[in-house]
Amino acid sequence: MTNWVRRLTIVWLTMLSFQVWSATSDPLNVCVGDGSPWPPYTYWQGETRQQKADTLTGYATDLVLSALESNDITYQLVFMPWARVQHELARESGRCDLTWDASYKPERAQYSRLTTPLYSISLGYLYIGDPAANVRPRLPVSDSVCGVNGYNYAGFGDNPKPRFEANTLQQALRMLEAGRCRFLASDEYSL
């Protein structure tokens, strides 16, 4: 089967499953990790759940929600920490039926139906230093790296992964600023 036919078949099967889902009376629980917005893919304004729901936008967000709406699928947005979204999906508790902006991990593949990637990631480390000095610090050691709970650091391979994890990106940045770690494992997205 050619790639074009395979993709068309996947799209058709996905649309068919959306139509079957829309025939049910319960709305689809679309879970959004609410710890840190990721412009331009998923972001919002405000602090309350209602403010977040009313202003939720971004490339990935618009793609997913417009697909649901064009297939007359009712949904409700459920905001919770990203690690909790992953936990609920793995447990198949019914609190989360769908999410986006999740990267591939073998553990996630066991409980998720993954699509074609929407964008790619370049991995690296953030650190605090004097930009005028133009001096790069030595590569981090594992006990000097922090990150965000629930994020996928598998792509770092043999490079140091976070030893200290915060619940949100903002908390991880504050840990870096306070000197609780020397580096923050980070990623840069591109289309």
Protein backbone atom coordinates (compact mmCIF):
# COMPACT_ATOMS: atom_id res chain seq x y z
CA MET A 1 0.00 0.00 0.00
CA THR A 2 1.40 3.39 -0.87
CA ASN A 3 1.87 6.04 1.80
CA TRP A 4 -0.91 8.14 0.27
CA VAL A 5 -3.44 5.27 0.38
CA ARG A 6 -2.31 4.29 3.88
CA ARG A 7 -2.75 7.86 5.15
CA LEU A 8 -6.13 8.20 3.46
CA THR A 9 -7.24 4.93 5.10
CA ILE A 10 -6.05 6.15 8.51
CA VAL A 11 -7.88 9.46 8.05
CA TRP A 12 -11.05 7.63 6.98
CA LEU A 13 -10.90 5.22 9.94
CA THR A 14 -10.27 8.15 12.29
CA MET A 15 -13.27 10.05 10.92
CA LEU A 16 -15.41 6.89 11.19
CA SER A 17 -14.40 6.46 14.83
CA PHE A 18 -15.23 10.15 15.44
CA GLN A 19 -18.69 9.61 13.95
CA VAL A 20 -19.25 6.53 16.14
CA TRP A 21 -18.09 8.55 19.16
CA SER A 22 -20.38 11.45 18.29
CA ALA A 23 -23.38 9.10 18.34
CA THR A 24 -22.90 8.61 22.07
CA SER A 25 -24.49 11.05 24.48
CA ASP A 26 -21.43 11.68 26.68
CA PRO A 27 -19.01 14.40 25.60
CA LEU A 28 -15.42 13.48 24.86
CA ASN A 29 -13.10 14.46 27.73
CA VAL A 30 -10.29 16.39 26.08
CA CYS A 31 -7.51 16.83 28.62
CA VAL A 32 -5.10 19.75 28.48
CA GLY A 33 -1.94 19.97 30.57
CA ASP A 34 -2.43 23.28 32.34
CA GLY A 35 0.95 23.79 33.99
CA SER A 36 2.71 25.65 31.19
CA PRO A 37 1.42 26.97 27.88
CA TRP A 38 3.47 26.08 24.79
CA PRO A 39 3.04 28.85 22.21
CA PRO A 40 2.54 28.60 19.31
CA TYR A 41 1.11 25.07 19.74
CA THR A 42 -1.06 25.27 22.85
CA TYR A 43 -1.59 28.36 24.98
CA TRP A 44 -4.21 30.41 26.81
CA GLN A 45 -4.78 33.56 28.85
CA GLY A 46 -5.92 33.73 32.46
CA GLU A 47 -5.72 31.60 35.55
CA THR A 48 -9.17 30.07 36.09
CA ARG A 49 -10.32 26.98 34.24
CA GLN A 50 -13.03 29.02 32.50
CA GLN A 51 -10.57 31.71 31.38
CA LYS A 52 -8.23 29.02 30.07
CA ALA A 53 -11.07 27.24 28.23
CA ASP A 54 -12.35 30.49 26.70
CA THR A 55 -8.93 31.53 25.37
CA LEU A 56 -7.37 28.14 24.53
CA THR A 57 -5.72 28.36 21.12
CA GLY A 58 -2.61 27.45 19.16
CA TYR A 59 -1.58 25.40 16.15
CA ALA A 60 -2.11 21.94 17.68
CA THR A 61 -5.16 23.06 19.66
CA ASP A 62 -6.92 24.49 16.62
CA LEU A 63 -6.13 21.39 14.57
CA VAL A 64 -7.60 18.96 17.11
CA LEU A 65 -10.62 20.99 18.19
CA SER A 66 -11.63 21.93 14.64
CA ALA A 67 -11.48 18.23 13.66
CA LEU A 68 -13.82 17.39 16.55
CA GLU A 69 -16.19 20.26 15.73
CA SER A 70 -16.31 19.51 12.01
CA ASN A 71 -17.38 15.97 12.88
CA ASP A 72 -20.07 17.17 15.32
CA ILE A 73 -18.32 15.59 18.28
CA THR A 74 -19.20 17.18 21.59
CA TYR A 75 -16.33 17.59 23.99
CA GLN A 76 -15.45 19.18 27.25
CA LEU A 77 -12.04 20.57 28.13
CA VAL A 78 -10.47 19.19 31.28
CA PHE A 79 -7.44 21.10 32.60
CA MET A 80 -5.00 19.29 34.89
CA PRO A 81 -1.23 18.95 35.34
CA TRP A 82 0.46 17.20 32.42
CA ALA A 83 1.72 14.29 34.54
CA ARG A 84 -1.88 13.78 35.71
CA VAL A 85 -3.14 13.76 32.11
CA GLN A 86 -0.69 10.97 31.30
CA HIS A 87 -1.64 9.08 34.45
CA GLU A 88 -5.37 9.28 33.66
CA LEU A 89 -4.83 8.16 30.06
CA ALA A 90 -2.75 5.19 31.22
CA ARG A 91 -5.37 4.17 33.79
CA GLU A 92 -8.18 4.53 31.24
CA SER A 93 -10.22 6.07 34.04
CA GLY A 94 -12.54 7.93 31.69
CA ARG A 95 -11.37 11.31 32.97
CA CYS A 96 -9.27 11.76 29.80
CA ASP A 97 -10.24 10.42 26.40
CA LEU A 98 -7.92 12.51 24.28
CA THR A 99 -4.96 14.88 24.52
CA TRP A 100 -2.35 16.33 22.18
CA ASP A 101 1.24 17.58 22.32
CA ALA A 102 2.38 14.23 23.71
CA SER A 103 5.70 12.85 22.53
CA TYR A 104 6.40 9.19 21.81
CA LYS A 105 7.57 6.94 24.63
CA PRO A 106 7.25 3.14 24.60
CA GLU A 107 5.19 3.31 27.81
CA ARG A 108 2.77 5.81 26.25
CA ALA A 109 2.44 3.70 23.11
CA GLN A 110 0.93 0.92 25.23
CA TYR A 111 -2.12 3.01 26.17
CA SER A 112 -2.26 5.61 23.38
CA ARG A 113 -3.11 5.77 19.72
CA LEU A 114 -0.44 8.07 18.36
CA THR A 115 -0.75 10.11 15.17
CA THR A 116 1.84 11.40 12.77
CA PRO A 117 3.99 14.01 14.54
CA LEU A 118 2.85 17.61 14.06
CA TYR A 119 6.28 19.06 14.83
CA SER A 120 9.78 18.03 15.89
CA ILE A 121 11.87 18.83 18.95
CA SER A 122 15.51 19.87 19.39
CA LEU A 123 16.83 19.02 22.83
CA GLY A 124 19.22 21.07 24.93
CA TYR A 125 19.86 22.66 28.31
CA LEU A 126 19.06 26.10 29.63
CA TYR A 127 21.42 27.71 32.13
CA ILE A 128 21.94 31.08 33.74
CA GLY A 129 25.06 32.93 32.77
CA ASP A 130 26.40 36.26 31.63
CA PRO A 131 25.58 36.57 27.92
CA ALA A 132 28.35 39.13 27.48
CA ALA A 133 30.94 36.64 28.74
CA ASN A 134 30.14 34.29 25.83
CA VAL A 135 31.44 31.36 27.90
CA ARG A 136 29.64 28.05 27.73
CA PRO A 137 29.57 25.94 30.89
CA ARG A 138 30.81 22.37 30.86
CA LEU A 139 28.24 19.71 30.00
CA PRO A 140 25.91 19.04 32.91
CA VAL A 141 26.21 16.09 35.23
CA SER A 142 23.04 14.28 36.22
CA ASP A 143 22.83 15.77 39.71
CA SER A 144 22.80 19.32 38.31
CA VAL A 145 19.84 18.98 35.90
CA CYS A 146 16.20 19.80 36.65
CA GLY A 147 13.10 19.30 34.53
CA VAL A 148 9.31 19.08 34.60
CA ASN A 149 7.40 16.11 35.99
CA GLY A 150 5.66 14.15 33.23
CA TYR A 151 7.80 15.51 30.36
CA ASN A 152 9.52 13.08 28.01
CA TYR A 153 13.31 13.16 28.43
CA ALA A 154 13.94 9.88 26.59
CA GLY A 155 15.33 11.82 23.61
CA PHE A 156 18.29 12.95 25.71
CA GLY A 157 19.69 9.43 25.29
CA ASP A 158 22.90 9.00 27.27
CA ASN A 159 23.08 12.72 28.09
CA PRO A 160 22.12 13.73 31.61
CA LYS A 161 18.41 13.66 32.34
CA PRO A 162 16.67 15.64 35.09
CA ARG A 163 17.27 14.50 38.63
CA PHE A 164 15.00 17.15 40.16
CA GLU A 165 11.54 17.64 38.68
CA ALA A 166 9.10 20.47 39.26
CA ASN A 167 5.36 20.33 38.55
CA THR A 168 5.40 23.17 36.00
CA LEU A 169 7.89 24.81 33.69
CA GLN A 170 7.62 28.03 35.72
CA GLN A 171 8.59 26.14 38.89
CA ALA A 172 11.53 24.51 37.07
CA LEU A 173 12.71 27.92 35.85
CA ARG A 174 12.50 29.24 39.43
CA MET A 175 14.58 26.23 40.61
CA LEU A 176 17.22 27.14 38.02
CA GLU A 177 17.14 30.80 39.01
CA ALA A 178 17.45 29.92 42.73
CA GLY A 179 20.47 27.71 42.03
CA ARG A 180 18.75 24.45 43.02
CA CYS A 181 20.05 23.09 39.71
CA ARG A 182 22.62 24.36 37.22
CA PHE A 183 20.77 23.28 34.06
CA LEU A 184 17.18 22.86 32.92
CA ALA A 185 16.59 20.12 30.36
CA SER A 186 14.67 21.81 27.59
CA ASP A 187 13.38 21.43 24.09
CA GLU A 188 12.71 23.66 21.13
CA TYR A 189 9.83 22.87 18.80
CA SER A 190 9.70 23.34 15.07
CA LEU A 191 7.18 22.52 12.36
